[in-house]
Each structure stands twice: as C-alpha cells, then as structure tokens.
Amino acid sequence: MFNNENNHAVIRVTNTFQLPKTWTALTTQQAKQLAKRIKAMQQPTAAQKAKAAAAIEKQVAAALAKNPKADAATVTKQVTAAYQAAQIQAVIKAVKGNND
C-alpha cells in the first residue's frame, strides 16, 4: 500500500498510550520512589499501627451506628480495605507531587 512512498525510511514513530482512569501514570523516578515508600509501609511502626487501628475503629463505629444490623466483621473488612486504599493513594499523590 505504501510501497516506495518514502523509500522505507521511517521519519518518525509516535506511540500514544491511553491509560484507564483507574491507573496512574508515573515516571521511572516516581515509580522507584513509590516502590520504596510502599515497602516502608509494609513494616509499620507501633505508632503507625495504633494510628491506623484507631482510625479504622472510629470508622467502623460510625458505620455500625448508621446501620446497627450490619455485620461487624464485614464492615471492619470494608473499612480496612478502604483505609489501605486511601493510604496508597496518599503515597501516590505525595510521589507525584515530589519533584526531587
């Protein structure tokens, strides 16, 4: 179809990637920083554990107050997952905002 149009000399190739809205685009430096911070999050200090437990407990109590018939274990799982996701999003935001 394009035979002999430019004698097989490629002038420029441009790739455009469209990421889903649930994905976050990071540079290689940002990805390295994110990996370091996530690894550090996997080894929380006692103070960090206490802070997380208090925040989760407060949210569980609020959810159970709203809906007393809800299963406490299920609510705790949901709140814990949401808390962890929020912490990861906060780290990603910090890494993206950090222009070292």
PDB file of N, CA and C in Angstrom:
ATOM      1  N   MET A   1       0.810  -1.187   0.000  1.00  0.00           N
ATOM      2  CA  MET A   1       0.000   0.000   0.000  1.00  0.00           C
ATOM      3  C   MET A   1       0.865   1.268   0.000  1.00  0.00           C
ATOM      4  N   PHE A   2       1.891   1.281   0.847  1.00  0.00           N
ATOM      5  CA  PHE A   2       2.762   2.448   0.917  1.00  0.00           C
ATOM      6  C   PHE A   2       4.118   2.146   0.266  1.00  0.00           C
ATOM      7  N   ASN A   3       4.139   1.261  -0.635  1.00  0.00           N
ATOM      8  CA  ASN A   3       5.378   0.858  -1.278  1.00  0.00           C
ATOM      9  C   ASN A   3       6.008   2.047  -2.015  1.00  0.00           C
ATOM     10  N   ASN A   4       7.271   2.282  -1.763  1.00  0.00           N
ATOM     11  CA  ASN A   4       8.073   3.326  -2.394  1.00  0.00           C
ATOM     12  C   ASN A   4       7.592   4.742  -2.079  1.00  0.00           C
ATOM     13  N   GLU A   5       6.779   4.903  -1.079  1.00  0.00           N
ATOM     14  CA  GLU A   5       6.331   6.257  -0.750  1.00  0.00           C
ATOM     15  C   GLU A   5       7.456   7.069  -0.119  1.00  0.00           C
ATOM     16  N   ASN A   6       8.248   6.439   0.757  1.00  0.00           N
ATOM     17  CA  ASN A   6       9.358   7.166   1.362  1.00  0.00           C
ATOM     18  C   ASN A   6      10.622   6.312   1.378  1.00  0.00           C
ATOM     19  N   ASN A   7      10.724   5.406   0.444  1.00  0.00           N
ATOM     20  CA  ASN A   7      11.895   4.536   0.280  1.00  0.00           C
ATOM     21  C   ASN A   7      12.262   3.813   1.568  1.00  0.00           C
ATOM     22  N   HIS A   8      11.254   3.391   2.290  1.00  0.00           N
ATOM     23  CA  HIS A   8      11.428   2.607   3.518  1.00  0.00           C
ATOM     24  C   HIS A   8      12.192   3.342   4.608  1.00  0.00           C
ATOM     25  N   ALA A   9      12.226   4.640   4.567  1.00  0.00           N
ATOM     26  CA  ALA A   9      12.885   5.433   5.601  1.00  0.00           C
ATOM     27  C   ALA A   9      11.811   5.965   6.551  1.00  0.00           C
ATOM     28  N   VAL A  10      11.879   5.524   7.771  1.00  0.00           N
ATOM     29  CA  VAL A  10      10.916   5.974   8.761  1.00  0.00           C
ATOM     30  C   VAL A  10      11.386   7.320   9.302  1.00  0.00           C
ATOM     31  N   ILE A  11      10.545   8.293   9.219  1.00  0.00           N
ATOM     32  CA  ILE A  11      10.892   9.626   9.690  1.00  0.00           C
ATOM     33  C   ILE A  11      10.622   9.734  11.188  1.00  0.00           C
ATOM     34  N   ARG A  12       9.450   9.312  11.596  1.00  0.00           N
ATOM     35  CA  ARG A  12       9.095   9.434  12.999  1.00  0.00           C
ATOM     36  C   ARG A  12       8.002   8.414  13.320  1.00  0.00           C
ATOM     37  N   VAL A  13       8.122   7.837  14.503  1.00  0.00           N
ATOM     38  CA  VAL A  13       7.086   6.943  15.008  1.00  0.00           C
ATOM     39  C   VAL A  13       6.631   7.503  16.348  1.00  0.00           C
ATOM     40  N   THR A  14       5.354   7.691  16.487  1.00  0.00           N
ATOM     41  CA  THR A  14       4.806   8.217  17.728  1.00  0.00           C
ATOM     42  C   THR A  14       3.813   7.211  18.282  1.00  0.00           C
ATOM     43  N   ASN A  15       4.031   6.833  19.527  1.00  0.00           N
ATOM     44  CA  ASN A  15       3.107   5.935  20.212  1.00  0.00           C
ATOM     45  C   ASN A  15       2.353   6.735  21.257  1.00  0.00           C
ATOM     46  N   THR A  16       1.057   6.597  21.246  1.00  0.00           N
ATOM     47  CA  THR A  16       0.220   7.276  22.228  1.00  0.00           C
ATOM     48  C   THR A  16      -0.498   6.212  23.036  1.00  0.00           C
ATOM     49  N   PHE A  17      -0.341   6.287  24.345  1.00  0.00           N
ATOM     50  CA  PHE A  17      -0.983   5.333  25.234  1.00  0.00           C
ATOM     51  C   PHE A  17      -2.093   6.035  25.991  1.00  0.00           C
ATOM     52  N   GLN A  18      -3.229   5.414  26.028  1.00  0.00           N
ATOM     53  CA  GLN A  18      -4.331   5.951  26.801  1.00  0.00           C
ATOM     54  C   GLN A  18      -4.587   4.984  27.955  1.00  0.00           C
ATOM     55  N   LEU A  19      -4.320   5.459  29.157  1.00  0.00           N
ATOM     56  CA  LEU A  19      -4.478   4.632  30.340  1.00  0.00           C
ATOM     57  C   LEU A  19      -5.904   4.721  30.861  1.00  0.00           C
ATOM     58  N   PRO A  20      -6.389   3.639  31.440  1.00  0.00           N
ATOM     59  CA  PRO A  20      -7.700   3.716  32.084  1.00  0.00           C
ATOM     60  C   PRO A  20      -7.657   4.730  33.228  1.00  0.00           C
ATOM     61  N   LYS A  21      -8.818   5.280  33.565  1.00  0.00           N
ATOM     62  CA  LYS A  21      -8.865   6.307  34.603  1.00  0.00           C
ATOM     63  C   LYS A  21      -8.438   5.767  35.962  1.00  0.00           C
ATOM     64  N   THR A  22      -8.511   4.455  36.150  1.00  0.00           N
ATOM     65  CA  THR A  22      -8.125   3.873  37.433  1.00  0.00           C
ATOM     66  C   THR A  22      -6.616   3.704  37.557  1.00  0.00           C
ATOM     67  N   TRP A  23      -5.869   3.913  36.489  1.00  0.00           N
ATOM     68  CA  TRP A  23      -4.419   3.784  36.517  1.00  0.00           C
ATOM     69  C   TRP A  23      -3.796   5.150  36.762  1.00  0.00           C
ATOM     70  N   THR A  24      -2.559   5.132  37.254  1.00  0.00           N
ATOM     71  CA  THR A  24      -1.807   6.357  37.489  1.00  0.00           C
ATOM     72  C   THR A  24      -0.525   6.308  36.669  1.00  0.00           C
ATOM     73  N   ALA A  25      -0.264   7.345  35.928  1.00  0.00           N
ATOM     74  CA  ALA A  25       0.958   7.426  35.129  1.00  0.00           C
ATOM     75  C   ALA A  25       2.077   8.010  35.993  1.00  0.00           C
ATOM     76  N   LEU A  26       3.203   7.305  36.044  1.00  0.00           N
ATOM     77  CA  LEU A  26       4.358   7.736  36.820  1.00  0.00           C
ATOM     78  C   LEU A  26       5.598   7.685  35.947  1.00  0.00           C
ATOM     79  N   THR A  27       6.545   8.558  36.259  1.00  0.00           N
ATOM     80  CA  THR A  27       7.847   8.471  35.610  1.00  0.00           C
ATOM     81  C   THR A  27       8.612   7.329  36.265  1.00  0.00           C
ATOM     82  N   THR A  28       9.748   6.967  35.706  1.00  0.00           N
ATOM     83  CA  THR A  28      10.532   5.881  36.296  1.00  0.00           C
ATOM     84  C   THR A  28      11.045   6.269  37.676  1.00  0.00           C
ATOM     85  N   GLN A  29      11.421   7.531  37.850  1.00  0.00           N
ATOM     86  CA  GLN A  29      11.877   8.001  39.168  1.00  0.00           C
ATOM     87  C   GLN A  29      10.747   7.917  40.183  1.00  0.00           C
ATOM     88  N   GLN A  30       9.559   8.356  39.784  1.00  0.00           N
ATOM     89  CA  GLN A  30       8.410   8.308  40.679  1.00  0.00           C
ATOM     90  C   GLN A  30       8.060   6.863  41.036  1.00  0.00           C
ATOM     91  N   ALA A  31       8.180   5.960  40.071  1.00  0.00           N
ATOM     92  CA  ALA A  31       7.886   4.552  40.335  1.00  0.00           C
ATOM     93  C   ALA A  31       8.876   3.971  41.341  1.00  0.00           C
ATOM     94  N   LYS A  32      10.140   4.358  41.234  1.00  0.00           N
ATOM     95  CA  LYS A  32      11.144   3.894  42.195  1.00  0.00           C
ATOM     96  C   LYS A  32      10.844   4.426  43.591  1.00  0.00           C
ATOM     97  N   GLN A  33      10.489   5.711  43.679  1.00  0.00           N
ATOM     98  CA  GLN A  33      10.141   6.295  44.975  1.00  0.00           C
ATOM     99  C   GLN A  33       8.904   5.622  45.556  1.00  0.00           C
ATOM    100  N   LEU A  34       7.929   5.344  44.707  1.00  0.00           N
ATOM    101  CA  LEU A  34       6.708   4.681  45.157  1.00  0.00           C
ATOM    102  C   LEU A  34       7.019   3.296  45.699  1.00  0.00           C
ATOM    103  N   ALA A  35       7.869   2.565  45.017  1.00  0.00           N
ATOM    104  CA  ALA A  35       8.241   1.225  45.482  1.00  0.00           C
ATOM    105  C   ALA A  35       8.902   1.287  46.857  1.00  0.00           C
ATOM    106  N   LYS A  36       9.793   2.263  47.054  1.00  0.00           N
ATOM    107  CA  LYS A  36      10.457   2.419  48.353  1.00  0.00           C
ATOM    108  C   LYS A  36       9.451   2.742  49.449  1.00  0.00           C
ATOM    109  N   ARG A  37       8.537   3.651  49.152  1.00  0.00           N
ATOM    110  CA  ARG A  37       7.557   4.056  50.168  1.00  0.00           C
ATOM    111  C   ARG A  37       6.568   2.933  50.480  1.00  0.00           C
ATOM    112  N   ILE A  38       6.160   2.187  49.481  1.00  0.00           N
ATOM    113  CA  ILE A  38       5.244   1.065  49.715  1.00  0.00           C
ATOM    114  C   ILE A  38       5.940  -0.008  50.540  1.00  0.00           C
ATOM    115  N   LYS A  39       7.208  -0.254  50.252  1.00  0.00           N
ATOM    116  CA  LYS A  39       7.961  -1.243  51.025  1.00  0.00           C
ATOM    117  C   LYS A  39       8.072  -0.792  52.479  1.00  0.00           C
ATOM    118  N   ALA A  40       8.275   0.495  52.707  1.00  0.00           N
ATOM    119  CA  ALA A  40       8.351   1.022  54.066  1.00  0.00           C
ATOM    120  C   ALA A  40       7.000   0.907  54.765  1.00  0.00           C
ATOM    121  N   MET A  41       5.908   1.048  54.012  1.00  0.00           N
ATOM    122  CA  MET A  41       4.569   0.937  54.594  1.00  0.00           C
ATOM    123  C   MET A  41       4.268  -0.493  55.059  1.00  0.00           C
ATOM    124  N   GLN A  42       4.950  -1.470  54.484  1.00  0.00           N
ATOM    125  CA  GLN A  42       4.705  -2.857  54.841  1.00  0.00           C
ATOM    126  C   GLN A  42       5.316  -3.217  56.189  1.00  0.00           C
ATOM    127  N   GLN A  43       6.170  -2.360  56.711  1.00  0.00           N
ATOM    128  CA  GLN A  43       6.791  -2.553  58.019  1.00  0.00           C
ATOM    129  C   GLN A  43       6.430  -1.374  58.922  1.00  0.00           C
ATOM    130  N   PRO A  44       5.150  -1.257  59.328  1.00  0.00           N
ATOM    131  CA  PRO A  44       4.747  -0.081  60.109  1.00  0.00           C
ATOM    132  C   PRO A  44       5.300  -0.120  61.539  1.00  0.00           C
ATOM    133  N   THR A  45       5.509   1.059  62.084  1.00  0.00           N
ATOM    134  CA  THR A  45       5.940   1.167  63.470  1.00  0.00           C
ATOM    135  C   THR A  45       4.724   0.973  64.370  1.00  0.00           C
ATOM    136  N   ALA A  46       4.972   0.854  65.655  1.00  0.00           N
ATOM    137  CA  ALA A  46       3.876   0.666  66.609  1.00  0.00           C
ATOM    138  C   ALA A  46       2.943   1.874  66.602  1.00  0.00           C
ATOM    139  N   ALA A  47       3.510   3.065  66.479  1.00  0.00           N
ATOM    140  CA  ALA A  47       2.696   4.283  66.448  1.00  0.00           C
ATOM    141  C   ALA A  47       1.813   4.318  65.205  1.00  0.00           C
ATOM    142  N   GLN A  48       2.364   3.908  64.061  1.00  0.00           N
ATOM    143  CA  GLN A  48       1.584   3.873  62.825  1.00  0.00           C
ATOM    144  C   GLN A  48       0.465   2.834  62.919  1.00  0.00           C
ATOM    145  N   LYS A  49       0.766   1.683  63.527  1.00  0.00           N
ATOM    146  CA  LYS A  49      -0.257   0.646  63.708  1.00  0.00           C
ATOM    147  C   LYS A  49      -1.375   1.147  64.604  1.00  0.00           C
ATOM    148  N   ALA A  50      -1.013   1.831  65.682  1.00  0.00           N
ATOM    149  CA  ALA A  50      -2.012   2.353  66.616  1.00  0.00           C
ATOM    150  C   ALA A  50      -2.880   3.413  65.948  1.00  0.00           C
ATOM    151  N   LYS A  51      -2.247   4.286  65.168  1.00  0.00           N
ATOM    152  CA  LYS A  51      -2.988   5.338  64.459  1.00  0.00           C
ATOM    153  C   LYS A  51      -3.971   4.717  63.467  1.00  0.00           C
ATOM    154  N   ALA A  52      -3.517   3.718  62.724  1.00  0.00           N
ATOM    155  CA  ALA A  52      -4.383   3.052  61.745  1.00  0.00           C
ATOM    156  C   ALA A  52      -5.532   2.333  62.449  1.00  0.00           C
ATOM    157  N   ALA A  53      -5.228   1.636  63.524  1.00  0.00           N
ATOM    158  CA  ALA A  53      -6.272   0.914  64.259  1.00  0.00           C
ATOM    159  C   ALA A  53      -7.316   1.868  64.816  1.00  0.00           C
ATOM    160  N   ALA A  54      -6.873   3.007  65.324  1.00  0.00           N
ATOM    161  CA  ALA A  54      -7.806   3.993  65.872  1.00  0.00           C
ATOM    162  C   ALA A  54      -8.697   4.569  64.772  1.00  0.00           C
ATOM    163  N   ALA A  55      -8.106   4.871  63.632  1.00  0.00           N
ATOM    164  CA  ALA A  55      -8.876   5.427  62.520  1.00  0.00           C
ATOM    165  C   ALA A  55      -9.893   4.412  62.011  1.00  0.00           C
ATOM    166  N   ILE A  56      -9.468   3.166  61.884  1.00  0.00           N
ATOM    167  CA  ILE A  56     -10.367   2.108  61.411  1.00  0.00           C
ATOM    168  C   ILE A  56     -11.489   1.880  62.421  1.00  0.00           C
ATOM    169  N   GLU A  57     -11.133   1.832  63.687  1.00  0.00           N
ATOM    170  CA  GLU A  57     -12.134   1.609  64.736  1.00  0.00           C
ATOM    171  C   GLU A  57     -13.181   2.729  64.742  1.00  0.00           C
ATOM    172  N   LYS A  58     -12.725   3.949  64.552  1.00  0.00           N
ATOM    173  CA  LYS A  58     -13.639   5.097  64.532  1.00  0.00           C
ATOM    174  C   LYS A  58     -14.606   4.991  63.345  1.00  0.00           C
ATOM    175  N   GLN A  59     -14.093   4.618  62.195  1.00  0.00           N
ATOM    176  CA  GLN A  59     -14.929   4.489  61.009  1.00  0.00           C
ATOM    177  C   GLN A  59     -15.909   3.320  61.126  1.00  0.00           C
ATOM    178  N   VAL A  60     -15.454   2.216  61.734  1.00  0.00           N
ATOM    179  CA  VAL A  60     -16.330   1.064  61.945  1.00  0.00           C
ATOM    180  C   VAL A  60     -17.462   1.441  62.890  1.00  0.00           C
ATOM    181  N   ALA A  61     -17.133   2.143  63.964  1.00  0.00           N
ATOM    182  CA  ALA A  61     -18.155   2.567  64.924  1.00  0.00           C
ATOM    183  C   ALA A  61     -19.185   3.480  64.249  1.00  0.00           C
ATOM    184  N   ALA A  62     -18.715   4.373  63.403  1.00  0.00           N
ATOM    185  CA  ALA A  62     -19.634   5.274  62.693  1.00  0.00           C
ATOM    186  C   ALA A  62     -20.529   4.496  61.733  1.00  0.00           C
ATOM    187  N   ALA A  63     -19.955   3.524  61.034  1.00  0.00           N
ATOM    188  CA  ALA A  63     -20.743   2.721  60.094  1.00  0.00           C
ATOM    189  C   ALA A  63     -21.773   1.864  60.827  1.00  0.00           C
ATOM    190  N   LEU A  64     -21.380   1.302  61.957  1.00  0.00           N
ATOM    191  CA  LEU A  64     -22.314   0.482  62.733  1.00  0.00           C
ATOM    192  C   LEU A  64     -23.392   1.338  63.391  1.00  0.00           C
ATOM    193  N   ALA A  65     -23.068   2.569  63.724  1.00  0.00           N
ATOM    194  CA  ALA A  65     -24.070   3.468  64.293  1.00  0.00           C
ATOM    195  C   ALA A  65     -25.115   3.822  63.234  1.00  0.00           C
ATOM    196  N   LYS A  66     -24.659   3.959  61.989  1.00  0.00           N
ATOM    197  CA  LYS A  66     -25.562   4.250  60.885  1.00  0.00           C
ATOM    198  C   LYS A  66     -26.470   3.058  60.581  1.00  0.00           C
ATOM    199  N   ASN A  67     -25.880   1.873  60.617  1.00  0.00           N
ATOM    200  CA  ASN A  67     -26.608   0.657  60.276  1.00  0.00           C
ATOM    201  C   ASN A  67     -26.328  -0.407  61.338  1.00  0.00           C
ATOM    202  N   PRO A  68     -27.096  -0.427  62.431  1.00  0.00           N
ATOM    203  CA  PRO A  68     -26.825  -1.350  63.527  1.00  0.00           C
ATOM    204  C   PRO A  68     -26.992  -2.826  63.156  1.00  0.00           C
ATOM    205  N   LYS A  69     -27.709  -3.130  62.089  1.00  0.00           N
ATOM    206  CA  LYS A  69     -27.930  -4.519  61.683  1.00  0.00           C
ATOM    207  C   LYS A  69     -26.780  -5.084  60.850  1.00  0.00           C
ATOM    208  N   ALA A  70     -25.825  -4.249  60.493  1.00  0.00           N
ATOM    209  CA  ALA A  70     -24.702  -4.686  59.668  1.00  0.00           C
ATOM    210  C   ALA A  70     -23.796  -5.627  60.453  1.00  0.00           C
ATOM    211  N   ASP A  71     -23.172  -6.535  59.731  1.00  0.00           N
ATOM    212  CA  ASP A  71     -22.223  -7.466  60.328  1.00  0.00           C
ATOM    213  C   ASP A  71     -20.917  -6.734  60.631  1.00  0.00           C
ATOM    214  N   ALA A  72     -20.479  -6.789  61.879  1.00  0.00           N
ATOM    215  CA  ALA A  72     -19.283  -6.047  62.305  1.00  0.00           C
ATOM    216  C   ALA A  72     -18.032  -6.510  61.560  1.00  0.00           C
ATOM    217  N   ALA A  73     -17.900  -7.815  61.331  1.00  0.00           N
ATOM    218  CA  ALA A  73     -16.713  -8.336  60.645  1.00  0.00           C
ATOM    219  C   ALA A  73     -16.658  -7.838  59.201  1.00  0.00           C
ATOM    220  N   THR A  74     -17.788  -7.843  58.533  1.00  0.00           N
ATOM    221  CA  THR A  74     -17.840  -7.380  57.148  1.00  0.00           C
ATOM    222  C   THR A  74     -17.533  -5.892  57.065  1.00  0.00           C
ATOM    223  N   VAL A  75     -18.114  -5.129  57.962  1.00  0.00           N
ATOM    224  CA  VAL A  75     -17.869  -3.686  57.985  1.00  0.00           C
ATOM    225  C   VAL A  75     -16.395  -3.415  58.264  1.00  0.00           C
ATOM    226  N   THR A  76     -15.812  -4.160  59.183  1.00  0.00           N
ATOM    227  CA  THR A  76     -14.395  -3.984  59.514  1.00  0.00           C
ATOM    228  C   THR A  76     -13.524  -4.273  58.295  1.00  0.00           C
ATOM    229  N   LYS A  77     -13.835  -5.338  57.557  1.00  0.00           N
ATOM    230  CA  LYS A  77     -13.067  -5.674  56.348  1.00  0.00           C
ATOM    231  C   LYS A  77     -13.170  -4.546  55.324  1.00  0.00           C
ATOM    232  N   GLN A  78     -14.384  -4.048  55.114  1.00  0.00           N
ATOM    233  CA  GLN A  78     -14.589  -2.994  54.129  1.00  0.00           C
ATOM    234  C   GLN A  78     -13.866  -1.713  54.528  1.00  0.00           C
ATOM    235  N   VAL A  79     -13.964  -1.351  55.782  1.00  0.00           N
ATOM    236  CA  VAL A  79     -13.311  -0.125  56.261  1.00  0.00           C
ATOM    237  C   VAL A  79     -11.794  -0.264  56.190  1.00  0.00           C
ATOM    238  N   THR A  80     -11.281  -1.434  56.545  1.00  0.00           N
ATOM    239  CA  THR A  80      -9.838  -1.671  56.484  1.00  0.00           C
ATOM    240  C   THR A  80      -9.333  -1.562  55.049  1.00  0.00           C
ATOM    241  N   ALA A  81     -10.059  -2.162  54.114  1.00  0.00           N
ATOM    242  CA  ALA A  81      -9.668  -2.090  52.704  1.00  0.00           C
ATOM    243  C   ALA A  81      -9.704  -0.651  52.205  1.00  0.00           C
ATOM    244  N   ALA A  82     -10.734   0.083  52.582  1.00  0.00           N
ATOM    245  CA  ALA A  82     -10.832   1.480  52.165  1.00  0.00           C
ATOM    246  C   ALA A  82      -9.707   2.319  52.777  1.00  0.00           C
ATOM    247  N   TYR A  83      -9.376   2.047  54.023  1.00  0.00           N
ATOM    248  CA  TYR A  83      -8.293   2.784  54.688  1.00  0.00           C
ATOM    249  C   TYR A  83      -6.955   2.515  53.983  1.00  0.00           C
ATOM    250  N   GLN A  84      -6.692   1.243  53.666  1.00  0.00           N
ATOM    251  CA  GLN A  84      -5.454   0.898  52.989  1.00  0.00           C
ATOM    252  C   GLN A  84      -5.386   1.542  51.605  1.00  0.00           C
ATOM    253  N   ALA A  85      -6.499   1.532  50.884  1.00  0.00           N
ATOM    254  CA  ALA A  85      -6.528   2.154  49.555  1.00  0.00           C
ATOM    255  C   ALA A  85      -6.278   3.656  49.660  1.00  0.00           C
ATOM    256  N   ALA A  86      -6.849   4.274  50.676  1.00  0.00           N
ATOM    257  CA  ALA A  86      -6.640   5.708  50.870  1.00  0.00           C
ATOM    258  C   ALA A  86      -5.176   6.010  51.194  1.00  0.00           C
ATOM    259  N   GLN A  87      -4.546   5.158  51.984  1.00  0.00           N
ATOM    260  CA  GLN A  87      -3.135   5.356  52.314  1.00  0.00           C
ATOM    261  C   GLN A  87      -2.266   5.223  51.066  1.00  0.00           C
ATOM    262  N   ILE A  88      -2.568   4.257  50.220  1.00  0.00           N
ATOM    263  CA  ILE A  88      -1.795   4.074  48.990  1.00  0.00           C
ATOM    264  C   ILE A  88      -1.998   5.268  48.063  1.00  0.00           C
ATOM    265  N   GLN A  89      -3.226   5.748  47.953  1.00  0.00           N
ATOM    266  CA  GLN A  89      -3.489   6.928  47.121  1.00  0.00           C
ATOM    267  C   GLN A  89      -2.747   8.146  47.655  1.00  0.00           C
ATOM    268  N   ALA A  90      -2.652   8.281  48.972  1.00  0.00           N
ATOM    269  CA  ALA A  90      -1.915   9.388  49.565  1.00  0.00           C
ATOM    270  C   ALA A  90      -0.432   9.302  49.220  1.00  0.00           C
ATOM    271  N   VAL A  91       0.120   8.099  49.232  1.00  0.00           N
ATOM    272  CA  VAL A  91       1.534   7.913  48.883  1.00  0.00           C
ATOM    273  C   VAL A  91       1.753   8.241  47.412  1.00  0.00           C
ATOM    274  N   ILE A  92       0.844   7.797  46.565  1.00  0.00           N
ATOM    275  CA  ILE A  92       0.970   8.092  45.132  1.00  0.00           C
ATOM    276  C   ILE A  92       0.904   9.599  44.885  1.00  0.00           C
ATOM    277  N   LYS A  93      -0.014  10.258  45.565  1.00  0.00           N
ATOM    278  CA  LYS A  93      -0.134  11.709  45.430  1.00  0.00           C
ATOM    279  C   LYS A  93       1.143  12.414  45.901  1.00  0.00           C
ATOM    280  N   ALA A  94       1.706  11.932  47.004  1.00  0.00           N
ATOM    281  CA  ALA A  94       2.944  12.519  47.524  1.00  0.00           C
ATOM    282  C   ALA A  94       4.102  12.317  46.550  1.00  0.00           C
ATOM    283  N   VAL A  95       4.170  11.137  45.949  1.00  0.00           N
ATOM    284  CA  VAL A  95       5.249  10.838  44.999  1.00  0.00           C
ATOM    285  C   VAL A  95       5.087  11.693  43.745  1.00  0.00           C
ATOM    286  N   LYS A  96       3.865  11.829  43.254  1.00  0.00           N
ATOM    287  CA  LYS A  96       3.643  12.636  42.052  1.00  0.00           C
ATOM    288  C   LYS A  96       3.914  14.111  42.307  1.00  0.00           C
ATOM    289  N   GLY A  97       3.654  14.573  43.523  1.00  0.00           N
ATOM    290  CA  GLY A  97       3.891  15.966  43.859  1.00  0.00           C
ATOM    291  C   GLY A  97       5.333  16.264  44.197  1.00  0.00           C
ATOM    292  N   ASN A  98       6.114  15.215  44.469  1.00  0.00           N
ATOM    293  CA  ASN A  98       7.516  15.353  44.858  1.00  0.00           C
ATOM    294  C   ASN A  98       8.362  15.475  43.608  1.00  0.00           C
ATOM    295  N   ASN A  99       8.976  16.610  43.401  1.00  0.00           N
ATOM    296  CA  ASN A  99       9.814  16.853  42.210  1.00  0.00           C
ATOM    297  C   ASN A  99      11.280  16.893  42.585  1.00  0.00           C
ATOM    298  N   ASP A 100      11.765  15.796  43.165  1.00  0.00           N
ATOM    299  CA  ASP A 100      13.194  15.746  43.552  1.00  0.00           C
ATOM    300  C   ASP A 100      14.084  15.690  42.356  1.00  0.00           C
TER     301      ASP A 100
END
